[in-house]
Structures are given as structure tokens and as C-alpha cells.
Protein backbone atom coordinates (compact mmCIF):
# COMPACT_ATOMS: atom_id res chain seq x y z
CA GLN A 1 2.36 -39.50 8.65
CA VAL A 2 1.99 -37.50 5.52
CA MET A 3 5.56 -38.44 4.01
CA ALA A 4 7.60 -41.25 3.79
CA SER A 5 11.23 -41.50 2.47
CA PRO A 6 12.08 -44.08 -0.10
CA GLY A 7 15.03 -45.31 2.16
CA ASP A 8 16.88 -48.52 0.94
CA ASP A 9 13.57 -50.01 -0.82
CA PRO A 10 12.10 -47.57 -3.11
CA ALA A 11 9.41 -50.50 -3.90
CA ARG A 12 7.94 -50.09 -0.47
CA ALA A 13 8.10 -46.28 -0.18
CA CYS A 14 4.34 -45.60 -0.95
CA ARG A 15 2.03 -48.40 -0.55
CA PRO A 16 -1.67 -47.24 -0.54
CA PHE A 17 -4.19 -49.55 1.41
CA ASP A 18 -1.23 -51.62 2.97
CA ALA A 19 -1.59 -52.27 6.69
CA SER A 20 1.99 -50.90 6.99
CA ARG A 21 1.70 -48.13 4.97
CA THR A 22 3.49 -44.92 5.70
CA GLY A 23 2.48 -42.34 3.68
CA LEU A 24 2.92 -40.45 0.27
CA VAL A 25 5.94 -39.76 -1.68
CA LEU A 26 6.14 -36.65 -3.80
CA GLY A 27 6.72 -37.17 -7.58
CA GLU A 28 7.11 -34.91 -10.68
CA GLY A 29 5.20 -35.24 -14.28
CA ALA A 30 2.42 -33.70 -16.05
CA ALA A 31 -0.28 -34.60 -18.82
CA ALA A 32 -2.30 -32.76 -21.12
CA PHE A 33 -5.26 -33.75 -23.16
CA VAL A 34 -7.42 -33.08 -26.12
CA LEU A 35 -11.09 -33.03 -25.52
CA GLU A 36 -12.97 -33.04 -28.69
CA GLU A 37 -16.52 -33.67 -29.56
CA TRP A 38 -17.27 -37.24 -30.55
CA GLU A 39 -18.63 -36.55 -34.01
CA HIS A 40 -15.91 -34.31 -34.91
CA ALA A 41 -13.19 -36.94 -33.79
CA MET A 42 -14.95 -39.37 -35.89
CA ARG A 43 -15.16 -37.37 -39.14
CA ARG A 44 -11.31 -36.56 -38.98
CA GLY A 45 -10.43 -40.37 -38.16
CA ALA A 46 -8.86 -39.38 -34.77
CA ARG A 47 -7.53 -42.05 -32.33
CA VAL A 48 -9.89 -42.08 -29.43
CA TYR A 49 -8.07 -43.32 -26.15
CA ALA A 50 -11.45 -43.18 -24.09
CA GLU A 51 -14.62 -41.13 -23.98
CA LEU A 52 -15.25 -38.65 -21.03
CA VAL A 53 -18.87 -39.32 -20.17
CA GLY A 54 -19.18 -37.64 -16.68
CA TYR A 55 -17.85 -35.55 -14.08
CA GLY A 56 -18.71 -34.64 -10.51
CA SER A 57 -17.15 -32.18 -7.86
CA SER A 58 -18.06 -31.42 -4.33
CA CYS A 59 -16.02 -28.89 -1.69
CA ASP A 60 -17.15 -30.17 1.73
CA HIS A 61 -15.26 -27.78 3.86
CA HIS A 62 -14.98 -30.54 6.56
CA HIS A 63 -11.44 -29.76 7.50
CA LEU A 64 -8.47 -28.38 5.66
CA THR A 65 -6.43 -31.84 5.21
CA ALA A 66 -8.65 -34.34 7.08
CA PRO A 67 -10.88 -36.00 4.27
CA HIS A 68 -14.51 -36.49 4.16
CA ALA A 69 -16.16 -39.46 3.08
CA GLU A 70 -19.61 -38.01 2.38
CA GLY A 71 -18.33 -35.11 0.21
CA GLN A 72 -16.22 -37.70 -1.74
CA LEU A 73 -19.29 -39.69 -2.15
CA ARG A 74 -21.27 -36.65 -3.42
CA ALA A 75 -18.50 -36.18 -6.32
CA LEU A 76 -18.82 -39.84 -7.04
CA ARG A 77 -22.49 -39.71 -7.38
CA GLN A 78 -22.63 -36.49 -9.65
CA ALA A 79 -20.07 -38.38 -12.02
CA LEU A 80 -22.21 -41.24 -12.20
CA ALA A 81 -25.56 -38.99 -12.63
CA HIS A 82 -23.98 -37.05 -15.12
CA ALA A 83 -22.78 -39.83 -17.17
CA GLY A 84 -26.28 -41.61 -16.88
CA LEU A 85 -24.24 -44.80 -15.16
CA GLN A 86 -25.56 -46.75 -12.49
CA PRO A 87 -22.79 -47.73 -9.85
CA GLU A 88 -22.84 -51.62 -11.25
CA ASP A 89 -21.69 -50.17 -14.66
CA VAL A 90 -18.57 -49.35 -13.22
CA ASP A 91 -15.54 -51.76 -13.71
CA HIS A 92 -12.27 -49.93 -12.26
CA VAL A 93 -11.44 -46.85 -10.29
CA ASN A 94 -8.36 -45.23 -10.12
CA ALA A 95 -8.10 -44.31 -6.37
CA HIS A 96 -6.81 -41.00 -5.16
CA GLY A 97 -4.88 -43.58 -2.70
CA THR A 98 -2.17 -41.46 -1.20
CA ALA A 99 -1.03 -44.15 1.61
CA THR A 100 -1.94 -42.03 4.56
CA GLY A 101 -3.52 -43.81 7.48
CA GLU A 102 -6.72 -41.49 7.29
CA GLY A 103 -6.98 -40.78 3.70
CA ASP A 104 -7.11 -44.51 2.40
CA PRO A 105 -9.85 -45.79 4.89
CA THR A 106 -11.89 -42.64 3.95
CA GLU A 107 -11.92 -43.13 0.32
CA ILE A 108 -12.60 -46.89 0.52
CA SER A 109 -15.56 -45.99 2.91
CA ALA A 110 -16.97 -43.72 0.06
CA LEU A 111 -16.43 -46.25 -2.66
CA LYS A 112 -18.20 -49.02 -0.42
CA ALA A 113 -21.30 -46.54 0.17
CA LEU A 114 -21.46 -45.78 -3.51
CA PHE A 115 -21.11 -49.11 -5.02
CA GLY A 116 -22.89 -51.44 -2.24
CA SER A 117 -22.91 -54.89 -3.10
CA HIS A 118 -20.94 -54.39 -6.18
CA ALA A 119 -17.98 -53.06 -4.36
CA GLU A 120 -16.35 -56.25 -4.30
CA ARG A 121 -16.26 -56.49 -8.03
CA VAL A 122 -14.73 -53.06 -8.62
CA MET A 123 -11.02 -53.38 -9.52
CA VAL A 124 -9.34 -50.60 -7.54
CA SER A 125 -5.81 -49.35 -8.07
CA ALA A 126 -3.71 -46.43 -6.93
CA THR A 127 -1.10 -45.30 -9.27
CA LYS A 128 0.56 -42.93 -6.88
CA SER A 129 2.33 -46.09 -5.64
CA MET A 130 4.29 -46.02 -9.00
CA HIS A 131 4.42 -42.31 -10.05
CA GLY A 132 4.17 -40.65 -6.74
CA HIS A 133 1.90 -37.63 -5.53
CA LEU A 134 2.17 -34.81 -8.30
CA LEU A 135 0.11 -32.51 -6.20
CA GLY A 136 -1.64 -29.82 -8.64
CA ALA A 137 -0.91 -32.42 -11.49
CA ALA A 138 -1.78 -35.39 -9.84
CA GLY A 139 -5.46 -35.63 -11.07
CA ALA A 140 -4.17 -35.21 -14.86
CA ILE A 141 -1.54 -37.98 -14.81
CA GLU A 142 -4.29 -40.23 -12.94
CA ALA A 143 -6.92 -39.29 -15.52
CA LEU A 144 -4.21 -40.49 -18.14
CA ALA A 145 -3.68 -43.63 -16.36
CA THR A 146 -7.17 -44.27 -16.35
CA ALA A 147 -7.77 -43.21 -20.27
CA LEU A 148 -4.85 -45.86 -21.12
CA THR A 149 -6.34 -48.38 -18.87
CA LEU A 150 -9.44 -48.55 -20.95
CA HIS A 151 -7.72 -48.17 -24.26
CA GLY A 152 -5.36 -51.17 -23.32
CA GLN A 153 -7.86 -53.22 -21.19
CA ALA A 154 -5.49 -53.76 -18.70
CA VAL A 155 -5.74 -52.56 -15.06
CA PRO A 156 -2.58 -51.49 -13.47
CA PRO A 157 -1.54 -52.49 -9.72
CA THR A 158 -1.15 -50.61 -6.69
CA ALA A 159 2.49 -51.27 -6.33
CA GLY A 160 3.77 -52.49 -2.96
CA LEU A 161 0.57 -53.46 -1.84
CA VAL A 162 0.61 -56.95 -0.36
CA ASP A 163 -1.26 -56.78 3.10
CA VAL A 164 -4.74 -54.79 2.84
CA ALA A 165 -5.39 -52.99 5.66
CA PRO A 166 -8.73 -54.16 7.27
CA ALA A 167 -10.22 -50.45 7.13
CA CYS A 168 -9.19 -50.72 3.40
CA ALA A 169 -11.03 -54.15 2.64
CA GLY A 170 -14.20 -54.42 0.71
CA VAL A 171 -13.21 -53.83 -2.99
CA ASP A 172 -11.11 -56.07 -5.46
CA HIS A 173 -7.59 -54.29 -4.94
CA VAL A 174 -5.39 -55.22 -8.11
CA MET A 175 -2.19 -56.54 -6.59
CA GLY A 176 1.29 -57.52 -7.94
CA GLN A 177 0.52 -57.21 -11.71
CA ALA A 178 -1.65 -55.79 -14.23
CA ARG A 179 -5.21 -57.34 -14.67
CA ARG A 180 -6.51 -58.60 -17.92
CA ASP A 181 -9.16 -60.93 -16.68
CA ARG A 182 -12.33 -59.21 -17.42
CA PRO A 183 -13.33 -56.04 -19.65
CA VAL A 184 -12.92 -52.69 -18.41
CA ARG A 185 -15.83 -50.87 -19.87
CA VAL A 186 -16.40 -47.78 -17.16
CA ALA A 187 -13.68 -46.49 -15.13
CA LEU A 188 -13.50 -43.66 -12.51
CA SER A 189 -10.62 -41.36 -11.59
CA ASN A 190 -10.62 -40.04 -8.11
CA SER A 191 -8.98 -36.78 -6.95
CA PHE A 192 -9.64 -35.42 -3.42
CA ALA A 193 -7.61 -32.32 -2.33
CA PHE A 194 -6.87 -30.55 0.58
CA GLY A 195 -9.85 -28.21 1.99
CA GLY A 196 -12.57 -31.02 0.83
CA SER A 197 -12.13 -30.26 -2.66
CA ASN A 198 -13.26 -33.50 -4.47
CA ALA A 199 -13.26 -34.22 -8.32
CA VAL A 200 -14.11 -37.43 -10.13
CA LEU A 201 -14.14 -38.14 -13.91
CA ALA A 202 -15.95 -40.93 -15.45
CA MET A 203 -14.79 -42.66 -18.60
CA ARG A 204 -15.92 -45.13 -20.95
CA ALA A 205 -13.83 -47.58 -23.44
CA VAL A 206 -14.43 -47.11 -26.91
């Protein structure tokens, strides 16, 4: 399924990575950013929420709608290489997490391939569980959530995630409430679209 109706219990409508997930729910929203050279921002005393340190993209052409872990992995590796970071430097991933049967395990597979033994230390959350899937605006709103995570040092939960599906296990899923138990120095924001268009942003706390 690709769409779930909130029905009588909106809190259980979109539950990425949950064993009984039933698909995405559309949302509405927008976000805009001011990107500025570091030196210029420092000179004018700007409030800096996070530093954008890397970007990766790929277009795997695997299938119009089916995601492909290898294409996602290429974008993830490019983002880290561009940022000059190692997988073990990453503390948090704002996952694409659409709550679909095929999409969620594919993304977790790509993350586990990227992080290896570090995967179980990476805090993963999917904020679509709270704001819905904004389609073309999804990447922007999730990048905003990632920047605010770094700024506030609190990792948001995947709302409604109670029972992690076996195919989605192997990372540190943030469940129930925000996490503040360890520093968040580097975070990734994943956006994986139809047609195998994959984009990953790497951000660092300031």
C-alpha cells in the first residue's frame, strides 16, 4: 500500500518502520533556508542553526516507484565524502521513512551497508510520522527538522513506532519521545524520490 487513512486514530496513521505500518499520509507545509558563507555569517553575528557540510545525489533508474538500496547508498557515500566525514562520525539520520512495505526496509538496508558495525549507534527517526509526506517539499521540511535537531540537541522520535519490523531492525530507532542522552554532532537528511532520484544532506552542529 502507498496510502493510509488516519481513520479513528491519527496517531497510528503513518508509522514508519513499524511491523504493522500501512503506508504514507500526505501532508502540507513548506520550508526555506538562508545559506551563507561561514566567514560572512560570523562577521555579521548571524544565528547559525547548523553547518551544511556535504551533499550527495544519485539517480539509479532502477524502477519508477520501487526504491533501490544501491542507489541510495551511492548518495549517502557521496555526502560523507563531500563533507570529509567517516560513517562513524554520524550520530543521527532523519530518514526518508515513508512507512511503505518496500521503502522502509530498503532504506534501512542502505544505512546498514553504509555504517556497518556503527549502525546500531546511529539514532534514526522519520519525521513524516508527524508532518506527513509533503512530496516536493518533503526534503526541505526534513532538512529543517535535521538542522533544528542539531541546534537543540534533541532527536525527534518516529511517532507511532512501537514494534520495529524485523526487516527494519539494526539501527537505533528513536521511539516514544525525543532523545537527549548523547551529543548529536553530525546528522544526515535523506530524500529518496520516484525514479530513483536520491539526495542526502550532511550537517554538523555549531
